[in-house]
């Protein structure tokens, strides 16, 4: 039988923006070399602070975080300053469209 040429399989271009479970872009992940138990107690404490920070999963969570509220206000202000949009009142009898 004739050998078929092997095609190089590349991941989709849009996947480069995401962390894909089970895939690593690093040839030598630090987790293979360094373990928490080899670090000093002070450094373990320092590192654990980063692990405590979690990403919000919903608008309800975000709306309670002052940092997110400030970021949203700054974004709206930037849009208004650049005249990208303007906030206006709804005409009588009209409803705002929803989103998911």
N, C-alpha and C. Protein backbone atom coordinates (compact mmCIF):
# COMPACT_ATOMS: atom_id res chain seq x y z
N UNK A 1 0.83 -1.20 0.00
CA UNK A 1 0.00 0.00 0.00
C UNK A 1 0.87 1.26 0.00
N UNK A 2 0.33 2.30 -0.57
CA UNK A 2 1.03 3.58 -0.66
C UNK A 2 0.82 4.35 0.63
N UNK A 3 1.93 4.89 1.18
CA UNK A 3 1.81 5.70 2.40
C UNK A 3 1.19 7.04 2.06
N UNK A 4 0.23 7.42 2.86
CA UNK A 4 -0.40 8.73 2.67
C UNK A 4 0.41 9.77 3.43
N UNK A 5 0.50 10.95 2.89
CA UNK A 5 1.24 12.00 3.61
C UNK A 5 0.55 12.34 4.93
N UNK A 6 1.35 12.61 5.93
CA UNK A 6 0.82 12.98 7.25
C UNK A 6 0.59 14.47 7.29
N UNK A 7 -0.60 14.85 7.67
CA UNK A 7 -0.92 16.27 7.76
C UNK A 7 -0.67 16.75 9.18
N UNK A 8 -0.03 17.88 9.32
CA UNK A 8 0.19 18.46 10.63
C UNK A 8 -1.13 19.02 11.13
N UNK A 9 -1.54 18.57 12.29
CA UNK A 9 -2.80 19.04 12.86
C UNK A 9 -2.51 20.19 13.80
N UNK A 10 -3.09 21.34 13.50
CA UNK A 10 -2.91 22.52 14.33
C UNK A 10 -4.22 22.82 15.04
N UNK A 11 -4.15 23.31 16.28
CA UNK A 11 -5.40 23.69 16.97
C UNK A 11 -6.05 24.88 16.28
N UNK A 12 -7.36 24.98 16.43
CA UNK A 12 -8.10 26.10 15.85
C UNK A 12 -7.49 27.40 16.34
N UNK A 13 -7.46 28.41 15.49
CA UNK A 13 -6.82 29.69 15.83
C UNK A 13 -7.49 30.35 17.03
N UNK A 14 -8.81 30.19 17.16
CA UNK A 14 -9.50 30.84 18.27
C UNK A 14 -9.21 30.18 19.60
N UNK A 15 -8.69 28.96 19.60
CA UNK A 15 -8.37 28.28 20.86
C UNK A 15 -7.15 28.88 21.55
N UNK A 16 -6.34 29.66 20.81
CA UNK A 16 -5.15 30.23 21.44
C UNK A 16 -5.51 31.24 22.53
N UNK A 17 -6.76 31.72 22.53
CA UNK A 17 -7.20 32.68 23.53
C UNK A 17 -7.70 32.00 24.81
N UNK A 18 -7.71 30.68 24.84
CA UNK A 18 -8.28 29.96 25.98
C UNK A 18 -7.26 28.98 26.56
N UNK A 19 -7.48 28.65 27.83
CA UNK A 19 -6.71 27.59 28.47
C UNK A 19 -7.49 26.31 28.24
N UNK A 20 -6.91 25.38 27.52
CA UNK A 20 -7.59 24.14 27.19
C UNK A 20 -7.14 23.07 28.17
N UNK A 21 -8.10 22.46 28.92
CA UNK A 21 -7.72 21.43 29.89
C UNK A 21 -6.97 20.28 29.22
N UNK A 22 -5.96 19.80 29.89
CA UNK A 22 -5.20 18.67 29.39
C UNK A 22 -4.11 19.06 28.40
N UNK A 23 -4.08 20.29 28.00
CA UNK A 23 -3.05 20.75 27.07
C UNK A 23 -2.16 21.74 27.81
N UNK A 24 -0.89 21.71 27.50
CA UNK A 24 0.01 22.68 28.09
C UNK A 24 0.90 23.25 26.99
N UNK A 25 1.09 24.54 27.05
CA UNK A 25 1.94 25.16 26.05
C UNK A 25 3.38 25.25 26.56
N UNK A 26 3.57 24.80 27.78
CA UNK A 26 4.88 24.90 28.41
C UNK A 26 5.58 23.53 28.34
N UNK A 27 6.79 23.52 27.84
CA UNK A 27 7.53 22.25 27.76
C UNK A 27 7.88 21.71 29.14
N UNK A 28 8.16 22.61 30.07
CA UNK A 28 8.59 22.20 31.40
C UNK A 28 7.75 22.91 32.46
N UNK A 29 6.54 22.42 32.73
CA UNK A 29 5.69 23.08 33.73
C UNK A 29 6.36 23.11 35.09
N UNK A 30 6.23 24.22 35.77
CA UNK A 30 6.88 24.38 37.07
C UNK A 30 6.34 23.37 38.09
N UNK A 31 5.09 22.95 37.92
CA UNK A 31 4.51 21.98 38.85
C UNK A 31 5.23 20.64 38.81
N UNK A 32 5.94 20.36 37.71
CA UNK A 32 6.71 19.12 37.63
C UNK A 32 8.00 19.19 38.42
N UNK A 33 8.41 20.39 38.80
CA UNK A 33 9.70 20.59 39.45
C UNK A 33 9.56 21.05 40.90
N UNK A 34 8.61 21.94 41.15
CA UNK A 34 8.47 22.54 42.48
C UNK A 34 7.17 22.08 43.11
N UNK A 35 7.25 21.67 44.36
CA UNK A 35 6.06 21.29 45.12
C UNK A 35 5.91 22.26 46.29
N UNK A 36 4.67 22.45 46.75
CA UNK A 36 4.42 23.36 47.86
C UNK A 36 5.24 22.99 49.09
N UNK A 37 5.37 21.70 49.36
CA UNK A 37 6.06 21.29 50.59
C UNK A 37 7.55 21.64 50.57
N UNK A 38 8.09 21.97 49.40
CA UNK A 38 9.51 22.36 49.35
C UNK A 38 9.69 23.87 49.56
N UNK A 39 8.58 24.61 49.65
CA UNK A 39 8.64 26.06 49.85
C UNK A 39 8.57 26.40 51.33
N UNK A 40 9.10 27.54 51.70
CA UNK A 40 9.01 27.97 53.09
C UNK A 40 7.56 28.27 53.44
N UNK A 41 7.23 28.23 54.72
CA UNK A 41 5.87 28.49 55.18
C UNK A 41 5.42 29.89 54.77
N UNK A 42 6.32 30.85 54.88
CA UNK A 42 5.99 32.23 54.51
C UNK A 42 5.65 32.32 53.01
N UNK A 43 6.45 31.65 52.19
CA UNK A 43 6.20 31.71 50.74
C UNK A 43 4.93 30.94 50.38
N UNK A 44 4.66 29.84 51.07
CA UNK A 44 3.41 29.10 50.85
C UNK A 44 2.22 30.00 51.15
N UNK A 45 2.32 30.76 52.22
CA UNK A 45 1.25 31.69 52.59
C UNK A 45 1.07 32.75 51.52
N UNK A 46 2.19 33.28 51.03
CA UNK A 46 2.15 34.30 49.98
C UNK A 46 1.49 33.74 48.71
N UNK A 47 1.88 32.55 48.30
CA UNK A 47 1.33 31.92 47.09
C UNK A 47 -0.15 31.60 47.26
N UNK A 48 -0.55 31.18 48.45
CA UNK A 48 -1.95 30.80 48.67
C UNK A 48 -2.90 31.97 48.50
N UNK A 49 -2.42 33.19 48.71
CA UNK A 49 -3.27 34.37 48.52
C UNK A 49 -3.75 34.48 47.08
N UNK A 50 -2.91 34.08 46.13
CA UNK A 50 -3.30 34.12 44.72
C UNK A 50 -4.35 33.06 44.41
N UNK A 51 -4.29 31.93 45.11
CA UNK A 51 -5.25 30.86 44.88
C UNK A 51 -6.63 31.20 45.42
N UNK A 52 -6.69 32.13 46.38
CA UNK A 52 -7.97 32.48 46.98
C UNK A 52 -8.82 33.34 46.05
N UNK A 53 -8.19 34.04 45.15
CA UNK A 53 -8.90 34.92 44.22
C UNK A 53 -9.58 34.07 43.15
N UNK A 54 -10.89 34.18 43.06
CA UNK A 54 -11.63 33.42 42.05
C UNK A 54 -12.33 34.37 41.10
N UNK A 55 -12.61 33.89 39.92
CA UNK A 55 -13.30 34.70 38.92
C UNK A 55 -14.80 34.59 39.14
N UNK A 56 -15.48 35.70 39.07
CA UNK A 56 -16.93 35.71 39.25
C UNK A 56 -17.59 34.93 38.13
N UNK A 57 -18.68 34.24 38.47
CA UNK A 57 -19.37 33.40 37.49
C UNK A 57 -20.65 34.03 36.97
N UNK A 58 -21.13 35.08 37.62
CA UNK A 58 -22.40 35.67 37.20
C UNK A 58 -22.38 37.18 37.44
N UNK A 59 -23.34 37.86 36.83
CA UNK A 59 -23.45 39.30 37.04
C UNK A 59 -23.79 39.59 38.50
N UNK A 60 -24.60 38.74 39.13
CA UNK A 60 -24.98 38.94 40.53
C UNK A 60 -23.73 39.00 41.42
N UNK A 61 -22.75 38.13 41.15
CA UNK A 61 -21.50 38.15 41.92
C UNK A 61 -20.69 39.41 41.62
N UNK A 62 -20.61 39.75 40.34
CA UNK A 62 -19.83 40.91 39.91
C UNK A 62 -20.40 42.19 40.51
N UNK A 63 -21.72 42.29 40.55
CA UNK A 63 -22.38 43.51 41.02
C UNK A 63 -22.10 43.79 42.50
N UNK A 64 -21.61 42.80 43.24
CA UNK A 64 -21.30 42.98 44.66
C UNK A 64 -19.84 43.38 44.89
N UNK A 65 -19.02 43.27 43.87
CA UNK A 65 -17.58 43.52 44.01
C UNK A 65 -17.27 44.97 43.65
N UNK A 66 -16.78 45.77 44.61
CA UNK A 66 -16.49 47.18 44.32
C UNK A 66 -15.49 47.38 43.18
N UNK A 67 -14.55 46.45 43.01
CA UNK A 67 -13.58 46.58 41.92
C UNK A 67 -14.26 46.46 40.56
N UNK A 68 -15.22 45.53 40.46
CA UNK A 68 -15.95 45.37 39.21
C UNK A 68 -16.86 46.56 38.96
N UNK A 69 -17.48 47.06 40.00
CA UNK A 69 -18.36 48.22 39.86
C UNK A 69 -17.56 49.41 39.34
N UNK A 70 -16.38 49.64 39.92
CA UNK A 70 -15.51 50.74 39.46
C UNK A 70 -15.10 50.53 38.00
N UNK A 71 -14.78 49.28 37.65
CA UNK A 71 -14.38 48.98 36.27
C UNK A 71 -15.53 49.23 35.29
N UNK A 72 -16.74 48.84 35.68
CA UNK A 72 -17.90 49.06 34.81
C UNK A 72 -18.18 50.55 34.64
N UNK A 73 -18.07 51.30 35.73
CA UNK A 73 -18.29 52.75 35.65
C UNK A 73 -17.24 53.40 34.74
N UNK A 74 -16.00 52.97 34.87
CA UNK A 74 -14.93 53.52 34.04
C UNK A 74 -15.16 53.18 32.56
N UNK A 75 -15.63 51.97 32.29
CA UNK A 75 -15.90 51.57 30.90
C UNK A 75 -17.03 52.39 30.30
N UNK A 76 -18.10 52.58 31.05
CA UNK A 76 -19.23 53.39 30.57
C UNK A 76 -18.77 54.83 30.35
N UNK A 77 -17.98 55.35 31.28
CA UNK A 77 -17.48 56.72 31.14
C UNK A 77 -16.62 56.86 29.89
N UNK A 78 -15.77 55.87 29.63
CA UNK A 78 -14.92 55.91 28.43
C UNK A 78 -15.77 55.89 27.16
N UNK A 79 -16.82 55.07 27.15
CA UNK A 79 -17.70 55.02 25.99
C UNK A 79 -18.39 56.36 25.76
N UNK A 80 -18.82 56.99 26.85
CA UNK A 80 -19.47 58.30 26.73
C UNK A 80 -18.46 59.37 26.32
N UNK A 81 -17.26 59.36 26.90
CA UNK A 81 -16.23 60.35 26.56
C UNK A 81 -15.83 60.27 25.09
N UNK A 82 -15.78 59.04 24.56
CA UNK A 82 -15.41 58.84 23.16
C UNK A 82 -16.59 58.99 22.21
N UNK A 83 -17.74 59.33 22.79
CA UNK A 83 -18.97 59.49 22.02
C UNK A 83 -19.32 58.22 21.23
N UNK A 84 -18.98 57.07 21.83
CA UNK A 84 -19.33 55.78 21.24
C UNK A 84 -20.81 55.52 21.42
N UNK A 85 -21.33 55.98 22.53
CA UNK A 85 -22.76 55.86 22.80
C UNK A 85 -23.16 56.93 23.78
N UNK A 86 -24.44 57.06 23.97
CA UNK A 86 -24.94 57.96 25.00
C UNK A 86 -26.13 57.29 25.67
N UNK A 87 -26.25 57.52 26.95
CA UNK A 87 -27.36 56.95 27.72
C UNK A 87 -28.55 57.88 27.55
N UNK A 88 -29.67 57.31 27.13
CA UNK A 88 -30.89 58.09 26.93
C UNK A 88 -32.05 57.39 27.63
N UNK A 89 -33.10 58.14 27.88
CA UNK A 89 -34.30 57.57 28.49
C UNK A 89 -35.10 56.84 27.41
N UNK A 90 -35.82 55.81 27.84
CA UNK A 90 -36.68 55.08 26.91
C UNK A 90 -37.90 55.93 26.56
N UNK A 91 -38.36 55.86 25.33
CA UNK A 91 -39.59 56.56 24.98
C UNK A 91 -40.76 55.95 25.77
N UNK A 92 -41.80 56.74 26.03
CA UNK A 92 -42.95 56.22 26.78
C UNK A 92 -43.54 54.98 26.10
N UNK A 93 -43.85 53.98 26.91
CA UNK A 93 -44.46 52.75 26.41
C UNK A 93 -43.49 51.75 25.81
N UNK A 94 -42.20 52.04 25.81
CA UNK A 94 -41.21 51.12 25.24
C UNK A 94 -40.44 50.43 26.36
N UNK A 95 -39.96 49.21 26.06
CA UNK A 95 -39.18 48.45 27.02
C UNK A 95 -37.79 48.19 26.47
N UNK A 96 -36.82 48.13 27.36
CA UNK A 96 -35.45 47.83 26.95
C UNK A 96 -35.38 46.36 26.55
N UNK A 97 -34.55 46.05 25.57
CA UNK A 97 -34.40 44.66 25.17
C UNK A 97 -33.56 43.94 26.22
N UNK A 98 -33.80 42.68 26.39
CA UNK A 98 -33.06 41.88 27.36
C UNK A 98 -31.84 41.25 26.74
N UNK A 99 -31.11 40.53 27.55
CA UNK A 99 -29.96 39.77 27.05
C UNK A 99 -29.81 38.54 27.93
N UNK A 100 -29.02 37.62 27.46
CA UNK A 100 -28.84 36.38 28.21
C UNK A 100 -27.65 36.46 29.10
